[in-house]
Amino acid sequence: MLLDRLRTERYHGSESWRAMVQGFRDLLVFQKAYRVSLDVHRISLGFPKTEQTELGGQIRRATKSIAINIAEGFGKHAGAAEFKRYLRIALGSSEEVRAQLDYCRDLGYITADQYVFYEREYMEIGKMLMRMIDVWQ
């Protein structure tokens, strides 16, 4: 499978990891951002009714924005600089989610364990985005 090759293969001659990426769904950062956003979406549906359209809606939009910006930037095929611009927007959304997680924890909408788990997930997504910004050409 392509993803297994992306995880294990190193650069050899003319076939780089980037050449193996056929679409945004092949990007591990997209996969992770998408998967985690689904989890956060489901959790946010359990927030109090007063927060469904406020904090719940904000965190749902921000988590989805990460995956959507990766997909949109990749799909434009407008060159590395343009793709990196979208990756930076996704990075900003990742940081936004981290701040929203603080609110969710402090307001008692998520458990301490959930907070630690999702904080780590979004820190990792941020690191993956920064790495892509650094190496994408």
C-alpha atoms as a PDB file:
ATOM      1  CA  MET A   1       0.000   0.000   0.000  1.00  0.00           C
ATOM      2  CA  LEU A   2       1.168   3.510  -0.768  1.00  0.00           C
ATOM      3  CA  LEU A   3       0.980   4.670   2.842  1.00  0.00           C
ATOM      4  CA  ASP A   4       3.172   1.823   4.037  1.00  0.00           C
ATOM      5  CA  ARG A   5       5.741   2.821   1.408  1.00  0.00           C
ATOM      6  CA  LEU A   6       5.542   6.444   2.547  1.00  0.00           C
ATOM      7  CA  ARG A   7       6.218   5.413   6.120  1.00  0.00           C
ATOM      8  CA  THR A   8       9.161   3.129   5.378  1.00  0.00           C
ATOM      9  CA  GLU A   9      10.816   4.202   2.146  1.00  0.00           C
ATOM     10  CA  ARG A  10      13.629   6.699   2.066  1.00  0.00           C
ATOM     11  CA  TYR A  11      14.696   8.882  -0.785  1.00  0.00           C
ATOM     12  CA  HIS A  12      16.375   6.739  -3.474  1.00  0.00           C
ATOM     13  CA  GLY A  13      17.463   8.387  -6.679  1.00  0.00           C
ATOM     14  CA  SER A  14      14.595   9.952  -8.603  1.00  0.00           C
ATOM     15  CA  GLU A  15      11.722   8.508  -6.552  1.00  0.00           C
ATOM     16  CA  SER A  16      11.148  10.805  -3.588  1.00  0.00           C
ATOM     17  CA  TRP A  17       8.368  10.539  -1.030  1.00  0.00           C
ATOM     18  CA  ARG A  18       6.686  13.522  -2.658  1.00  0.00           C
ATOM     19  CA  ALA A  19       6.529  11.746  -6.008  1.00  0.00           C
ATOM     20  CA  MET A  20       4.602   8.920  -4.316  1.00  0.00           C
ATOM     21  CA  VAL A  21       1.873  11.269  -3.064  1.00  0.00           C
ATOM     22  CA  GLN A  22      -0.996  11.114  -5.538  1.00  0.00           C
ATOM     23  CA  GLY A  23      -3.502  13.214  -3.628  1.00  0.00           C
ATOM     24  CA  PHE A  24      -4.182  14.934  -0.331  1.00  0.00           C
ATOM     25  CA  ARG A  25      -5.551  11.713   1.191  1.00  0.00           C
ATOM     26  CA  ASP A  26      -2.067  10.193   0.908  1.00  0.00           C
ATOM     27  CA  LEU A  27      -0.654  12.810   3.286  1.00  0.00           C
ATOM     28  CA  LEU A  28      -0.314  11.424   6.793  1.00  0.00           C
ATOM     29  CA  VAL A  29      -1.007  14.842   8.308  1.00  0.00           C
ATOM     30  CA  PHE A  30      -4.321  15.008   6.431  1.00  0.00           C
ATOM     31  CA  GLN A  31      -5.266  11.521   7.625  1.00  0.00           C
ATOM     32  CA  LYS A  32      -4.474  12.361  11.234  1.00  0.00           C
ATOM     33  CA  ALA A  33      -6.181  15.769  11.151  1.00  0.00           C
ATOM     34  CA  TYR A  34      -9.296  14.256   9.574  1.00  0.00           C
ATOM     35  CA  ARG A  35      -9.495  11.355  12.026  1.00  0.00           C
ATOM     36  CA  VAL A  36      -8.984  13.519  15.108  1.00  0.00           C
ATOM     37  CA  SER A  37     -11.482  16.127  13.877  1.00  0.00           C
ATOM     38  CA  LEU A  38     -14.143  13.421  13.681  1.00  0.00           C
ATOM     39  CA  ASP A  39     -13.435  12.473  17.309  1.00  0.00           C
ATOM     40  CA  VAL A  40     -13.617  16.075  18.503  1.00  0.00           C
ATOM     41  CA  HIS A  41     -16.801  16.626  16.496  1.00  0.00           C
ATOM     42  CA  ARG A  42     -18.481  13.696  18.235  1.00  0.00           C
ATOM     43  CA  ILE A  43     -17.332  14.854  21.678  1.00  0.00           C
ATOM     44  CA  SER A  44     -18.537  18.410  21.049  1.00  0.00           C
ATOM     45  CA  LEU A  45     -22.051  17.129  20.364  1.00  0.00           C
ATOM     46  CA  GLY A  46     -22.195  16.268  24.064  1.00  0.00           C
ATOM     47  CA  PHE A  47     -21.543  19.864  25.172  1.00  0.00           C
ATOM     48  CA  PRO A  48     -24.395  21.685  26.932  1.00  0.00           C
ATOM     49  CA  LYS A  49     -27.111  22.969  24.627  1.00  0.00           C
ATOM     50  CA  THR A  50     -25.992  26.576  25.157  1.00  0.00           C
ATOM     51  CA  GLU A  51     -22.549  25.678  23.793  1.00  0.00           C
ATOM     52  CA  GLN A  52     -23.674  23.712  20.730  1.00  0.00           C
ATOM     53  CA  THR A  53     -23.557  26.785  18.488  1.00  0.00           C
ATOM     54  CA  GLU A  54     -20.879  28.682  20.395  1.00  0.00           C
ATOM     55  CA  LEU A  55     -17.779  26.823  21.565  1.00  0.00           C
ATOM     56  CA  GLY A  56     -18.997  23.540  20.062  1.00  0.00           C
ATOM     57  CA  GLY A  57     -19.483  25.099  16.644  1.00  0.00           C
ATOM     58  CA  GLN A  58     -16.176  26.939  16.825  1.00  0.00           C
ATOM     59  CA  ILE A  59     -14.153  23.864  17.709  1.00  0.00           C
ATOM     60  CA  ARG A  60     -15.899  21.789  15.028  1.00  0.00           C
ATOM     61  CA  ARG A  61     -15.102  24.419  12.364  1.00  0.00           C
ATOM     62  CA  ALA A  62     -11.487  24.816  13.516  1.00  0.00           C
ATOM     63  CA  THR A  63     -10.757  21.078  13.577  1.00  0.00           C
ATOM     64  CA  LYS A  64     -12.251  20.611  10.126  1.00  0.00           C
ATOM     65  CA  SER A  65     -10.395  23.646   8.809  1.00  0.00           C
ATOM     66  CA  ILE A  66      -7.071  21.851   9.258  1.00  0.00           C
ATOM     67  CA  ALA A  67      -7.913  18.925   6.971  1.00  0.00           C
ATOM     68  CA  ILE A  68      -9.858  21.135   4.548  1.00  0.00           C
ATOM     69  CA  ASN A  69      -6.979  23.591   4.103  1.00  0.00           C
ATOM     70  CA  ILE A  70      -4.523  20.762   3.488  1.00  0.00           C
ATOM     71  CA  ALA A  71      -6.858  19.329   0.838  1.00  0.00           C
ATOM     72  CA  GLU A  72      -7.598  22.685  -0.785  1.00  0.00           C
ATOM     73  CA  GLY A  73      -3.968  23.764  -0.914  1.00  0.00           C
ATOM     74  CA  PHE A  74      -2.854  20.439  -2.359  1.00  0.00           C
ATOM     75  CA  GLY A  75      -5.694  20.368  -4.854  1.00  0.00           C
ATOM     76  CA  LYS A  76      -4.923  23.755  -6.363  1.00  0.00           C
ATOM     77  CA  HIS A  77      -1.669  22.485  -7.916  1.00  0.00           C
ATOM     78  CA  ALA A  78      -0.484  26.090  -7.798  1.00  0.00           C
ATOM     79  CA  GLY A  79       3.061  25.391  -6.654  1.00  0.00           C
ATOM     80  CA  ALA A  80       4.913  24.960  -3.407  1.00  0.00           C
ATOM     81  CA  ALA A  81       4.513  28.530  -2.147  1.00  0.00           C
ATOM     82  CA  GLU A  82       0.728  28.415  -2.486  1.00  0.00           C
ATOM     83  CA  PHE A  83       0.485  24.991  -0.850  1.00  0.00           C
ATOM     84  CA  LYS A  84       2.651  26.211   2.036  1.00  0.00           C
ATOM     85  CA  ARG A  85       0.296  29.163   2.475  1.00  0.00           C
ATOM     86  CA  TYR A  86      -2.569  26.727   3.045  1.00  0.00           C
ATOM     87  CA  LEU A  87      -0.415  24.637   5.380  1.00  0.00           C
ATOM     88  CA  ARG A  88       0.231  27.775   7.445  1.00  0.00           C
ATOM     89  CA  ILE A  89      -3.507  28.437   7.634  1.00  0.00           C
ATOM     90  CA  ALA A  90      -3.992  24.826   8.792  1.00  0.00           C
ATOM     91  CA  LEU A  91      -1.250  25.360  11.384  1.00  0.00           C
ATOM     92  CA  GLY A  92      -3.076  28.423  12.686  1.00  0.00           C
ATOM     93  CA  SER A  93      -6.272  26.405  12.964  1.00  0.00           C
ATOM     94  CA  SER A  94      -4.397  23.716  14.877  1.00  0.00           C
ATOM     95  CA  GLU A  95      -3.270  26.293  17.422  1.00  0.00           C
ATOM     96  CA  GLU A  96      -6.810  27.671  17.581  1.00  0.00           C
ATOM     97  CA  VAL A  97      -8.077  24.199  18.490  1.00  0.00           C
ATOM     98  CA  ARG A  98      -5.522  23.963  21.283  1.00  0.00           C
ATOM     99  CA  ALA A  99      -6.828  27.210  22.788  1.00  0.00           C
ATOM    100  CA  GLN A 100     -10.405  25.975  22.447  1.00  0.00           C
ATOM    101  CA  LEU A 101      -9.437  22.749  24.214  1.00  0.00           C
ATOM    102  CA  ASP A 102      -8.308  24.890  27.154  1.00  0.00           C
ATOM    103  CA  TYR A 103     -11.797  26.384  27.324  1.00  0.00           C
ATOM    104  CA  CYS A 104     -13.401  22.960  27.040  1.00  0.00           C
ATOM    105  CA  ARG A 105     -11.295  21.647  29.923  1.00  0.00           C
ATOM    106  CA  ASP A 106     -11.733  24.690  32.132  1.00  0.00           C
ATOM    107  CA  LEU A 107     -15.502  24.766  31.588  1.00  0.00           C
ATOM    108  CA  GLY A 108     -15.751  21.056  32.407  1.00  0.00           C
ATOM    109  CA  TYR A 109     -16.910  19.943  28.943  1.00  0.00           C
ATOM    110  CA  ILE A 110     -14.102  17.410  28.529  1.00  0.00           C
ATOM    111  CA  THR A 111     -12.235  15.273  31.051  1.00  0.00           C
ATOM    112  CA  ALA A 112      -8.611  15.838  32.014  1.00  0.00           C
ATOM    113  CA  ASP A 113      -7.685  12.653  30.130  1.00  0.00           C
ATOM    114  CA  GLN A 114      -9.481  13.834  26.991  1.00  0.00           C
ATOM    115  CA  TYR A 115      -7.733  17.174  27.258  1.00  0.00           C
ATOM    116  CA  VAL A 116      -4.278  15.594  27.523  1.00  0.00           C
ATOM    117  CA  PHE A 117      -4.978  13.229  24.635  1.00  0.00           C
ATOM    118  CA  TYR A 118      -6.290  15.874  22.217  1.00  0.00           C
ATOM    119  CA  GLU A 119      -3.701  18.452  23.254  1.00  0.00           C
ATOM    120  CA  ARG A 120      -0.995  15.935  22.297  1.00  0.00           C
ATOM    121  CA  GLU A 121      -2.767  15.060  19.050  1.00  0.00           C
ATOM    122  CA  TYR A 122      -2.956  18.709  17.964  1.00  0.00           C
ATOM    123  CA  MET A 123       0.612  19.388  19.060  1.00  0.00           C
ATOM    124  CA  GLU A 124       1.688  16.487  16.824  1.00  0.00           C
ATOM    125  CA  ILE A 125      -0.450  17.747  13.934  1.00  0.00           C
ATOM    126  CA  GLY A 126       1.189  21.155  14.343  1.00  0.00           C
ATOM    127  CA  LYS A 127       4.660  19.602  14.258  1.00  0.00           C
ATOM    128  CA  MET A 128       3.743  17.594  11.153  1.00  0.00           C
ATOM    129  CA  LEU A 129       2.499  20.761   9.435  1.00  0.00           C
ATOM    130  CA  MET A 130       5.647  22.697  10.379  1.00  0.00           C
ATOM    131  CA  ARG A 131       7.801  19.893   9.012  1.00  0.00           C
ATOM    132  CA  MET A 132       5.840  19.883   5.736  1.00  0.00           C
ATOM    133  CA  ILE A 133       6.190  23.650   5.459  1.00  0.00           C
ATOM    134  CA  ASP A 134       9.949  23.282   5.929  1.00  0.00           C
ATOM    135  CA  VAL A 135      10.505  20.482   3.417  1.00  0.00           C
ATOM    136  CA  TRP A 136       7.843  20.876   0.708  1.00  0.00           C
ATOM    137  CA  GLN A 137       9.304  22.103  -2.592  1.00  0.00           C
END
